[in-house]
């Protein structure tokens, strides 16, 4: 069995193969004893059939969010109540 990468490279370098019909490519791959995955990919026009042969593994990324730390703020006794101003004595009339 010929290496799939080598066959793909040869197809890419040869203009007559690059623009060849599916039948012509199929015959060439049969003569070269290409892998079943490459032959199926050429026949169907679906390159995803080569994923398993190339060892494709889905990339599962973990999403994280980083934010700067906040300094500790002093707790308020009751933030819902408005502060009451101190009583101011009224000036006396004489």
PDB file of N, CA and C in Angstrom:
ATOM      1  N   UNK A   1       0.853  -1.177   0.000  1.00  0.00           N
ATOM      2  CA  UNK A   1       0.000   0.000   0.000  1.00  0.00           C
ATOM      3  C   UNK A   1       0.898   1.239   0.000  1.00  0.00           C
ATOM      4  N   UNK A   2       0.632   2.135  -0.936  1.00  0.00           N
ATOM      5  CA  UNK A   2       1.409   3.362  -1.048  1.00  0.00           C
ATOM      6  C   UNK A   2       0.925   4.360  -0.005  1.00  0.00           C
ATOM      7  N   UNK A   3       1.856   5.157   0.486  1.00  0.00           N
ATOM      8  CA  UNK A   3       1.530   6.151   1.500  1.00  0.00           C
ATOM      9  C   UNK A   3       0.565   7.194   0.928  1.00  0.00           C
ATOM     10  N   UNK A   4      -0.484   7.475   1.650  1.00  0.00           N
ATOM     11  CA  UNK A   4      -1.515   8.412   1.200  1.00  0.00           C
ATOM     12  C   UNK A   4      -0.958   9.811   0.997  1.00  0.00           C
ATOM     13  N   UNK A   5      -0.103  10.245   1.891  1.00  0.00           N
ATOM     14  CA  UNK A   5       0.487  11.582   1.769  1.00  0.00           C
ATOM     15  C   UNK A   5       1.302  11.683   0.488  1.00  0.00           C
ATOM     16  N   UNK A   6       2.087  10.646   0.178  1.00  0.00           N
ATOM     17  CA  UNK A   6       2.887  10.653  -1.050  1.00  0.00           C
ATOM     18  C   UNK A   6       1.995  10.720  -2.285  1.00  0.00           C
ATOM     19  N   UNK A   7       0.902   9.983  -2.272  1.00  0.00           N
ATOM     20  CA  UNK A   7      -0.018  10.015  -3.413  1.00  0.00           C
ATOM     21  C   UNK A   7      -0.678  11.385  -3.559  1.00  0.00           C
ATOM     22  N   UNK A   8      -1.095  11.975  -2.463  1.00  0.00           N
ATOM     23  CA  UNK A   8      -1.694  13.305  -2.526  1.00  0.00           C
ATOM     24  C   UNK A   8      -0.684  14.334  -3.028  1.00  0.00           C
ATOM     25  N   UNK A   9       0.559  14.194  -2.611  1.00  0.00           N
ATOM     26  CA  UNK A   9       1.614  15.090  -3.084  1.00  0.00           C
ATOM     27  C   UNK A   9       1.823  14.930  -4.587  1.00  0.00           C
ATOM     28  N   UNK A  10       1.852  13.681  -5.065  1.00  0.00           N
ATOM     29  CA  UNK A  10       2.035  13.422  -6.497  1.00  0.00           C
ATOM     30  C   UNK A  10       0.870  13.990  -7.309  1.00  0.00           C
ATOM     31  N   UNK A  11      -0.344  13.849  -6.801  1.00  0.00           N
ATOM     32  CA  UNK A  11      -1.518  14.397  -7.494  1.00  0.00           C
ATOM     33  C   UNK A  11      -1.427  15.919  -7.555  1.00  0.00           C
ATOM     34  N   UNK A  12      -1.000  16.533  -6.475  1.00  0.00           N
ATOM     35  CA  UNK A  12      -0.883  17.991  -6.432  1.00  0.00           C
ATOM     36  C   UNK A  12       0.207  18.533  -7.333  1.00  0.00           C
ATOM     37  N   UNK A  13       1.282  17.776  -7.532  1.00  0.00           N
ATOM     38  CA  UNK A  13       2.403  18.245  -8.348  1.00  0.00           C
ATOM     39  C   UNK A  13       2.189  18.004  -9.839  1.00  0.00           C
ATOM     40  N   UNK A  14       1.349  17.065 -10.201  1.00  0.00           N
ATOM     41  CA  UNK A  14       1.131  16.716 -11.605  1.00  0.00           C
ATOM     42  C   UNK A  14      -0.164  17.376 -12.084  1.00  0.00           C
ATOM     43  N   UNK A  15      -0.014  18.368 -12.977  1.00  0.00           N
ATOM     44  CA  UNK A  15      -1.183  19.114 -13.444  1.00  0.00           C
ATOM     45  C   UNK A  15      -2.201  18.212 -14.130  1.00  0.00           C
ATOM     46  N   UNK A  16      -1.738  17.173 -14.818  1.00  0.00           N
ATOM     47  CA  UNK A  16      -2.690  16.289 -15.499  1.00  0.00           C
ATOM     48  C   UNK A  16      -3.505  15.485 -14.492  1.00  0.00           C
ATOM     49  N   UNK A  17      -2.930  15.177 -13.341  1.00  0.00           N
ATOM     50  CA  UNK A  17      -3.674  14.452 -12.301  1.00  0.00           C
ATOM     51  C   UNK A  17      -4.564  15.397 -11.497  1.00  0.00           C
ATOM     52  N   UNK A  18      -4.087  16.616 -11.301  1.00  0.00           N
ATOM     53  CA  UNK A  18      -4.850  17.568 -10.506  1.00  0.00           C
ATOM     54  C   UNK A  18      -6.202  17.877 -11.132  1.00  0.00           C
ATOM     55  N   UNK A  19      -6.241  17.878 -12.444  1.00  0.00           N
ATOM     56  CA  UNK A  19      -7.485  18.198 -13.146  1.00  0.00           C
ATOM     57  C   UNK A  19      -8.086  16.962 -13.818  1.00  0.00           C
ATOM     58  N   UNK A  20      -7.665  15.790 -13.387  1.00  0.00           N
ATOM     59  CA  UNK A  20      -8.154  14.538 -13.986  1.00  0.00           C
ATOM     60  C   UNK A  20      -9.573  14.235 -13.514  1.00  0.00           C
ATOM     61  N   UNK A  21     -10.249  13.416 -14.279  1.00  0.00           N
ATOM     62  CA  UNK A  21     -11.607  13.002 -13.902  1.00  0.00           C
ATOM     63  C   UNK A  21     -11.536  12.010 -12.743  1.00  0.00           C
ATOM     64  N   UNK A  22     -12.661  11.787 -12.122  1.00  0.00           N
ATOM     65  CA  UNK A  22     -12.742  10.836 -11.017  1.00  0.00           C
ATOM     66  C   UNK A  22     -12.346   9.439 -11.478  1.00  0.00           C
ATOM     67  N   UNK A  23     -12.750   9.072 -12.693  1.00  0.00           N
ATOM     68  CA  UNK A  23     -12.405   7.744 -13.226  1.00  0.00           C
ATOM     69  C   UNK A  23     -10.898   7.594 -13.410  1.00  0.00           C
ATOM     70  N   UNK A  24     -10.264   8.616 -14.000  1.00  0.00           N
ATOM     71  CA  UNK A  24      -8.818   8.550 -14.228  1.00  0.00           C
ATOM     72  C   UNK A  24      -8.052   8.470 -12.909  1.00  0.00           C
ATOM     73  N   UNK A  25      -8.479   9.266 -11.943  1.00  0.00           N
ATOM     74  CA  UNK A  25      -7.829   9.216 -10.626  1.00  0.00           C
ATOM     75  C   UNK A  25      -8.050   7.863  -9.967  1.00  0.00           C
ATOM     76  N   UNK A  26      -9.234   7.330 -10.095  1.00  0.00           N
ATOM     77  CA  UNK A  26      -9.533   6.014  -9.526  1.00  0.00           C
ATOM     78  C   UNK A  26      -8.640   4.935 -10.101  1.00  0.00           C
ATOM     79  N   UNK A  27      -8.420   4.960 -11.421  1.00  0.00           N
ATOM     80  CA  UNK A  27      -7.532   3.982 -12.065  1.00  0.00           C
ATOM     81  C   UNK A  27      -6.099   4.139 -11.565  1.00  0.00           C
ATOM     82  N   UNK A  28      -5.640   5.381 -11.473  1.00  0.00           N
ATOM     83  CA  UNK A  28      -4.280   5.640 -10.993  1.00  0.00           C
ATOM     84  C   UNK A  28      -4.110   5.156  -9.553  1.00  0.00           C
ATOM     85  N   UNK A  29      -5.096   5.405  -8.718  1.00  0.00           N
ATOM     86  CA  UNK A  29      -5.024   4.985  -7.317  1.00  0.00           C
ATOM     87  C   UNK A  29      -5.062   3.466  -7.194  1.00  0.00           C
ATOM     88  N   UNK A  30      -5.812   2.803  -8.063  1.00  0.00           N
ATOM     89  CA  UNK A  30      -5.857   1.334  -8.048  1.00  0.00           C
ATOM     90  C   UNK A  30      -4.499   0.760  -8.428  1.00  0.00           C
ATOM     91  N   UNK A  31      -3.849   1.354  -9.425  1.00  0.00           N
ATOM     92  CA  UNK A  31      -2.517   0.896  -9.834  1.00  0.00           C
ATOM     93  C   UNK A  31      -1.493   1.134  -8.729  1.00  0.00           C
ATOM     94  N   UNK A  32      -1.659   2.236  -8.000  1.00  0.00           N
ATOM     95  CA  UNK A  32      -0.712   2.577  -6.935  1.00  0.00           C
ATOM     96  C   UNK A  32      -1.045   1.865  -5.628  1.00  0.00           C
ATOM     97  N   UNK A  33      -2.095   1.068  -5.620  1.00  0.00           N
ATOM     98  CA  UNK A  33      -2.553   0.363  -4.414  1.00  0.00           C
ATOM     99  C   UNK A  33      -2.817   1.346  -3.266  1.00  0.00           C
ATOM    100  N   UNK A  34      -3.592   2.366  -3.584  1.00  0.00           N
ATOM    101  CA  UNK A  34      -3.931   3.393  -2.597  1.00  0.00           C
ATOM    102  C   UNK A  34      -4.837   2.813  -1.519  1.00  0.00           C
ATOM    103  N   UNK A  35      -4.868   3.486  -0.398  1.00  0.00           N
ATOM    104  CA  UNK A  35      -5.713   3.041   0.716  1.00  0.00           C
ATOM    105  C   UNK A  35      -7.187   3.146   0.336  1.00  0.00           C
ATOM    106  N   UNK A  36      -8.000   2.389   1.048  1.00  0.00           N
ATOM    107  CA  UNK A  36      -9.448   2.422   0.807  1.00  0.00           C
ATOM    108  C   UNK A  36     -10.020   3.811   1.097  1.00  0.00           C
ATOM    109  N   UNK A  37      -9.486   4.469   2.119  1.00  0.00           N
ATOM    110  CA  UNK A  37      -9.992   5.794   2.487  1.00  0.00           C
ATOM    111  C   UNK A  37      -9.716   6.810   1.386  1.00  0.00           C
ATOM    112  N   UNK A  38      -8.516   6.782   0.803  1.00  0.00           N
ATOM    113  CA  UNK A  38      -8.187   7.715  -0.276  1.00  0.00           C
ATOM    114  C   UNK A  38      -9.025   7.422  -1.512  1.00  0.00           C
ATOM    115  N   UNK A  39      -9.182   6.157  -1.840  1.00  0.00           N
ATOM    116  CA  UNK A  39      -9.994   5.777  -2.996  1.00  0.00           C
ATOM    117  C   UNK A  39     -11.443   6.228  -2.811  1.00  0.00           C
ATOM    118  N   UNK A  40     -11.984   6.038  -1.621  1.00  0.00           N
ATOM    119  CA  UNK A  40     -13.364   6.459  -1.338  1.00  0.00           C
ATOM    120  C   UNK A  40     -13.492   7.978  -1.369  1.00  0.00           C
ATOM    121  N   UNK A  41     -12.488   8.683  -0.852  1.00  0.00           N
ATOM    122  CA  UNK A  41     -12.520  10.145  -0.845  1.00  0.00           C
ATOM    123  C   UNK A  41     -12.512  10.697  -2.265  1.00  0.00           C
ATOM    124  N   UNK A  42     -11.702  10.106  -3.143  1.00  0.00           N
ATOM    125  CA  UNK A  42     -11.652  10.551  -4.541  1.00  0.00           C
ATOM    126  C   UNK A  42     -12.969  10.231  -5.241  1.00  0.00           C
ATOM    127  N   UNK A  43     -13.505   9.056  -5.007  1.00  0.00           N
ATOM    128  CA  UNK A  43     -14.746   8.645  -5.674  1.00  0.00           C
ATOM    129  C   UNK A  43     -15.930   9.518  -5.265  1.00  0.00           C
ATOM    130  N   UNK A  44     -15.976   9.907  -3.990  1.00  0.00           N
ATOM    131  CA  UNK A  44     -17.117  10.681  -3.499  1.00  0.00           C
ATOM    132  C   UNK A  44     -16.869  12.185  -3.500  1.00  0.00           C
ATOM    133  N   UNK A  45     -15.601  12.590  -3.609  1.00  0.00           N
ATOM    134  CA  UNK A  45     -15.282  14.016  -3.532  1.00  0.00           C
ATOM    135  C   UNK A  45     -15.355  14.552  -2.115  1.00  0.00           C
ATOM    136  N   UNK A  46     -15.290  13.665  -1.139  1.00  0.00           N
ATOM    137  CA  UNK A  46     -15.426  14.042   0.272  1.00  0.00           C
ATOM    138  C   UNK A  46     -14.114  13.777   1.003  1.00  0.00           C
ATOM    139  N   UNK A  47     -13.351  14.839   1.256  1.00  0.00           N
ATOM    140  CA  UNK A  47     -12.044  14.678   1.903  1.00  0.00           C
ATOM    141  C   UNK A  47     -12.151  14.281   3.373  1.00  0.00           C
ATOM    142  N   UNK A  48     -13.328  14.436   3.975  1.00  0.00           N
ATOM    143  CA  UNK A  48     -13.475  14.067   5.386  1.00  0.00           C
ATOM    144  C   UNK A  48     -13.308  12.564   5.603  1.00  0.00           C
ATOM    145  N   UNK A  49     -13.397  11.775   4.528  1.00  0.00           N
ATOM    146  CA  UNK A  49     -13.207  10.327   4.652  1.00  0.00           C
ATOM    147  C   UNK A  49     -11.759   9.980   5.005  1.00  0.00           C
ATOM    148  N   UNK A  50     -10.851  10.933   4.832  1.00  0.00           N
ATOM    149  CA  UNK A  50      -9.443  10.698   5.161  1.00  0.00           C
ATOM    150  C   UNK A  50      -9.135  10.993   6.628  1.00  0.00           C
ATOM    151  N   UNK A  51     -10.081  11.550   7.351  1.00  0.00           N
ATOM    152  CA  UNK A  51      -9.842  11.958   8.738  1.00  0.00           C
ATOM    153  C   UNK A  51      -9.320  10.828   9.610  1.00  0.00           C
ATOM    154  N   UNK A  52      -9.953   9.679   9.544  1.00  0.00           N
ATOM    155  CA  UNK A  52      -9.545   8.554  10.393  1.00  0.00           C
ATOM    156  C   UNK A  52      -8.144   8.069  10.025  1.00  0.00           C
ATOM    157  N   UNK A  53      -7.855   8.034   8.726  1.00  0.00           N
ATOM    158  CA  UNK A  53      -6.540   7.566   8.290  1.00  0.00           C
ATOM    159  C   UNK A  53      -5.425   8.485   8.781  1.00  0.00           C
ATOM    160  N   UNK A  54      -5.709   9.776   8.836  1.00  0.00           N
ATOM    161  CA  UNK A  54      -4.702  10.737   9.281  1.00  0.00           C
ATOM    162  C   UNK A  54      -4.687  10.898  10.795  1.00  0.00           C
ATOM    163  N   UNK A  55      -5.559  10.203  11.497  1.00  0.00           N
ATOM    164  CA  UNK A  55      -5.572  10.265  12.955  1.00  0.00           C
ATOM    165  C   UNK A  55      -6.219  11.521  13.494  1.00  0.00           C
ATOM    166  N   UNK A  56      -7.210  12.022  12.785  1.00  0.00           N
ATOM    167  CA  UNK A  56      -7.889  13.236  13.223  1.00  0.00           C
ATOM    168  C   UNK A  56      -8.610  12.999  14.538  1.00  0.00           C
ATOM    169  N   UNK A  57      -8.423  13.932  15.450  1.00  0.00           N
ATOM    170  CA  UNK A  57      -9.138  13.899  16.721  1.00  0.00           C
ATOM    171  C   UNK A  57      -9.781  15.265  16.912  1.00  0.00           C
ATOM    172  N   UNK A  58     -11.031  15.265  17.273  1.00  0.00           N
ATOM    173  CA  UNK A  58     -11.734  16.527  17.469  1.00  0.00           C
ATOM    174  C   UNK A  58     -11.054  17.326  18.567  1.00  0.00           C
ATOM    175  N   UNK A  59     -10.888  18.602  18.308  1.00  0.00           N
ATOM    176  CA  UNK A  59     -10.257  19.488  19.273  1.00  0.00           C
ATOM    177  C   UNK A  59     -11.339  20.073  20.177  1.00  0.00           C
ATOM    178  N   UNK A  60     -11.365  19.606  21.391  1.00  0.00           N
ATOM    179  CA  UNK A  60     -12.353  20.100  22.341  1.00  0.00           C
ATOM    180  C   UNK A  60     -11.664  21.100  23.257  1.00  0.00           C
ATOM    181  N   UNK A  61     -11.997  22.350  23.076  1.00  0.00           N
ATOM    182  CA  UNK A  61     -11.367  23.383  23.876  1.00  0.00           C
ATOM    183  C   UNK A  61     -12.205  23.680  25.109  1.00  0.00           C
ATOM    184  N   UNK A  62     -11.527  24.019  26.148  1.00  0.00           N
ATOM    185  CA  UNK A  62     -12.185  24.395  27.388  1.00  0.00           C
ATOM    186  C   UNK A  62     -12.183  25.913  27.443  1.00  0.00           C
ATOM    187  N   UNK A  63     -13.338  26.484  27.656  1.00  0.00           N
ATOM    188  CA  UNK A  63     -13.442  27.932  27.691  1.00  0.00           C
ATOM    189  C   UNK A  63     -13.365  28.400  29.133  1.00  0.00           C
ATOM    190  N   UNK A  64     -12.442  29.306  29.388  1.00  0.00           N
ATOM    191  CA  UNK A  64     -12.316  29.867  30.726  1.00  0.00           C
ATOM    192  C   UNK A  64     -12.351  31.383  30.627  1.00  0.00           C
ATOM    193  N   UNK A  65     -12.819  31.998  31.662  1.00  0.00           N
ATOM    194  CA  UNK A  65     -12.871  33.453  31.718  1.00  0.00           C
ATOM    195  C   UNK A  65     -12.033  33.893  32.907  1.00  0.00           C
ATOM    196  N   UNK A  66     -11.084  34.751  32.627  1.00  0.00           N
ATOM    197  CA  UNK A  66     -10.227  35.275  33.680  1.00  0.00           C
ATOM    198  C   UNK A  66     -10.544  36.749  33.878  1.00  0.00           C
ATOM    199  N   UNK A  67     -10.652  37.160  35.115  1.00  0.00           N
ATOM    200  CA  UNK A  67     -10.881  38.568  35.407  1.00  0.00           C
ATOM    201  C   UNK A  67     -10.014  38.951  36.599  1.00  0.00           C
ATOM    202  N   UNK A  68      -9.670  40.223  36.694  1.00  0.00           N
ATOM    203  CA  UNK A  68      -8.818  40.634  37.811  1.00  0.00           C
ATOM    204  C   UNK A  68      -9.542  40.472  39.146  1.00  0.00           C
ATOM    205  N   UNK A  69      -8.775  40.226  40.168  1.00  0.00           N
ATOM    206  CA  UNK A  69      -9.343  40.060  41.506  1.00  0.00           C
ATOM    207  C   UNK A  69      -9.768  41.419  42.055  1.00  0.00           C
ATOM    208  N   UNK A  70     -10.778  41.419  42.893  1.00  0.00           N
ATOM    209  CA  UNK A  70     -11.229  42.654  43.535  1.00  0.00           C
ATOM    210  C   UNK A  70     -10.687  42.702  44.952  1.00  0.00           C
ATOM    211  N   UNK A  71     -10.378  43.920  45.361  1.00  0.00           N
ATOM    212  CA  UNK A  71      -9.944  44.075  46.747  1.00  0.00           C
ATOM    213  C   UNK A  71     -11.172  43.938  47.643  1.00  0.00           C
ATOM    214  N   UNK A  72     -10.944  43.445  48.844  1.00  0.00           N
ATOM    215  CA  UNK A  72     -12.053  43.293  49.776  1.00  0.00           C
ATOM    216  C   UNK A  72     -12.598  44.663  50.150  1.00  0.00           C
ATOM    217  N   UNK A  73     -13.897  44.795  50.055  1.00  0.00           N
ATOM    218  CA  UNK A  73     -14.547  46.039  50.429  1.00  0.00           C
ATOM    219  C   UNK A  73     -15.175  45.858  51.805  1.00  0.00           C
ATOM    220  N   UNK A  74     -15.113  46.896  52.632  1.00  0.00           N
ATOM    221  CA  UNK A  74     -15.737  46.760  53.959  1.00  0.00           C
ATOM    222  C   UNK A  74     -17.250  46.618  53.799  1.00  0.00           C
ATOM    223  N   UNK A  75     -17.811  45.776  54.623  1.00  0.00           N
ATOM    224  CA  UNK A  75     -19.254  45.556  54.566  1.00  0.00           C
ATOM    225  C   UNK A  75     -19.982  46.703  55.246  1.00  0.00           C
ATOM    226  N   UNK A  76     -21.094  47.098  54.662  1.00  0.00           N
ATOM    227  CA  UNK A  76     -21.913  48.141  55.266  1.00  0.00           C
ATOM    228  C   UNK A  76     -22.955  47.470  56.154  1.00  0.00           C
ATOM    229  N   UNK A  77     -23.359  48.196  57.213  1.00  0.00           N
ATOM    230  CA  UNK A  77     -24.340  47.625  58.136  1.00  0.00           C
ATOM    231  C   UNK A  77     -25.651  47.321  57.417  1.00  0.00           C
ATOM    232  N   UNK A  78     -26.237  48.314  56.804  1.00  0.00           N
ATOM    233  CA  UNK A  78     -27.481  48.111  56.079  1.00  0.00           C
ATOM    234  C   UNK A  78     -27.467  49.048  54.876  1.00  0.00           C
ATOM    235  N   UNK A  79     -27.050  48.567  53.730  1.00  0.00           N
ATOM    236  CA  UNK A  79     -26.888  49.458  52.582  1.00  0.00           C
ATOM    237  C   UNK A  79     -28.215  50.007  52.042  1.00  0.00           C
ATOM    238  N   UNK A  80     -29.363  49.470  52.476  1.00  0.00           N
ATOM    239  CA  UNK A  80     -30.641  49.954  51.967  1.00  0.00           C
ATOM    240  C   UNK A  80     -31.140  51.195  52.695  1.00  0.00           C
ATOM    241  N   UNK A  81     -30.654  51.445  53.906  1.00  0.00           N
ATOM    242  CA  UNK A  81     -31.095  52.611  54.675  1.00  0.00           C
ATOM    243  C   UNK A  81     -30.190  53.796  54.380  1.00  0.00           C
ATOM    244  N   UNK A  82     -30.812  54.949  54.172  1.00  0.00           N
ATOM    245  CA  UNK A  82     -30.042  56.174  53.930  1.00  0.00           C
ATOM    246  C   UNK A  82     -29.514  56.686  55.268  1.00  0.00           C
ATOM    247  N   UNK A  83     -28.329  57.261  55.274  1.00  0.00           N
ATOM    248  CA  UNK A  83     -27.801  57.783  56.545  1.00  0.00           C
ATOM    249  C   UNK A  83     -28.639  58.973  57.027  1.00  0.00           C
ATOM    250  N   UNK A  84     -28.834  59.061  58.337  1.00  0.00           N
ATOM    251  CA  UNK A  84     -29.609  60.143  58.951  1.00  0.00           C
ATOM    252  C   UNK A  84     -28.624  61.206  59.422  1.00  0.00           C
ATOM    253  N   UNK A  85     -28.837  62.462  58.992  1.00  0.00           N
ATOM    254  CA  UNK A  85     -27.898  63.512  59.431  1.00  0.00           C
ATOM    255  C   UNK A  85     -28.070  63.797  60.931  1.00  0.00           C
ATOM    256  N   UNK A  86     -26.995  64.260  61.534  1.00  0.00           N
ATOM    257  CA  UNK A  86     -27.047  64.616  62.953  1.00  0.00           C
ATOM    258  C   UNK A  86     -27.994  65.811  63.131  1.00  0.00           C
ATOM    259  N   UNK A  87     -28.660  65.838  64.287  1.00  0.00           N
ATOM    260  CA  UNK A  87     -29.585  66.936  64.571  1.00  0.00           C
ATOM    261  C   UNK A  87     -28.790  68.217  64.786  1.00  0.00           C
ATOM    262  N   UNK A  88     -29.248  69.272  64.156  1.00  0.00           N
ATOM    263  CA  UNK A  88     -28.590  70.575  64.283  1.00  0.00           C
ATOM    264  C   UNK A  88     -29.514  71.456  65.133  1.00  0.00           C
ATOM    265  N   UNK A  89     -28.984  72.033  66.220  1.00  0.00           N
ATOM    266  CA  UNK A  89     -29.849  72.878  67.056  1.00  0.00           C
ATOM    267  C   UNK A  89     -30.277  74.140  66.295  1.00  0.00           C
ATOM    268  N   UNK A  90     -31.518  74.517  66.498  1.00  0.00           N
ATOM    269  CA  UNK A  90     -32.023  75.725  65.862  1.00  0.00           C
ATOM    270  C   UNK A  90     -31.544  76.943  66.647  1.00  0.00           C
ATOM    271  N   UNK A  91     -31.292  77.994  65.940  1.00  0.00           N
ATOM    272  CA  UNK A  91     -30.874  79.206  66.683  1.00  0.00           C
ATOM    273  C   UNK A  91     -32.041  79.738  67.552  1.00  0.00           C
ATOM    274  N   UNK A  92     -31.712  80.201  68.723  1.00  0.00           N
ATOM    275  CA  UNK A  92     -32.752  80.690  69.633  1.00  0.00           C
ATOM    276  C   UNK A  92     -33.051  82.162  69.341  1.00  0.00           C
ATOM    277  N   UNK A  93     -34.306  82.565  69.578  1.00  0.00           N
ATOM    278  CA  UNK A  93     -34.702  83.945  69.345  1.00  0.00           C
ATOM    279  C   UNK A  93     -34.689  84.673  70.682  1.00  0.00           C
ATOM    280  N   UNK A  94     -34.112  85.807  70.741  1.00  0.00           N
ATOM    281  CA  UNK A  94     -34.052  86.587  71.978  1.00  0.00           C
ATOM    282  C   UNK A  94     -34.715  87.880  71.839  1.00  0.00           C
TER     283      UNK A  94
END
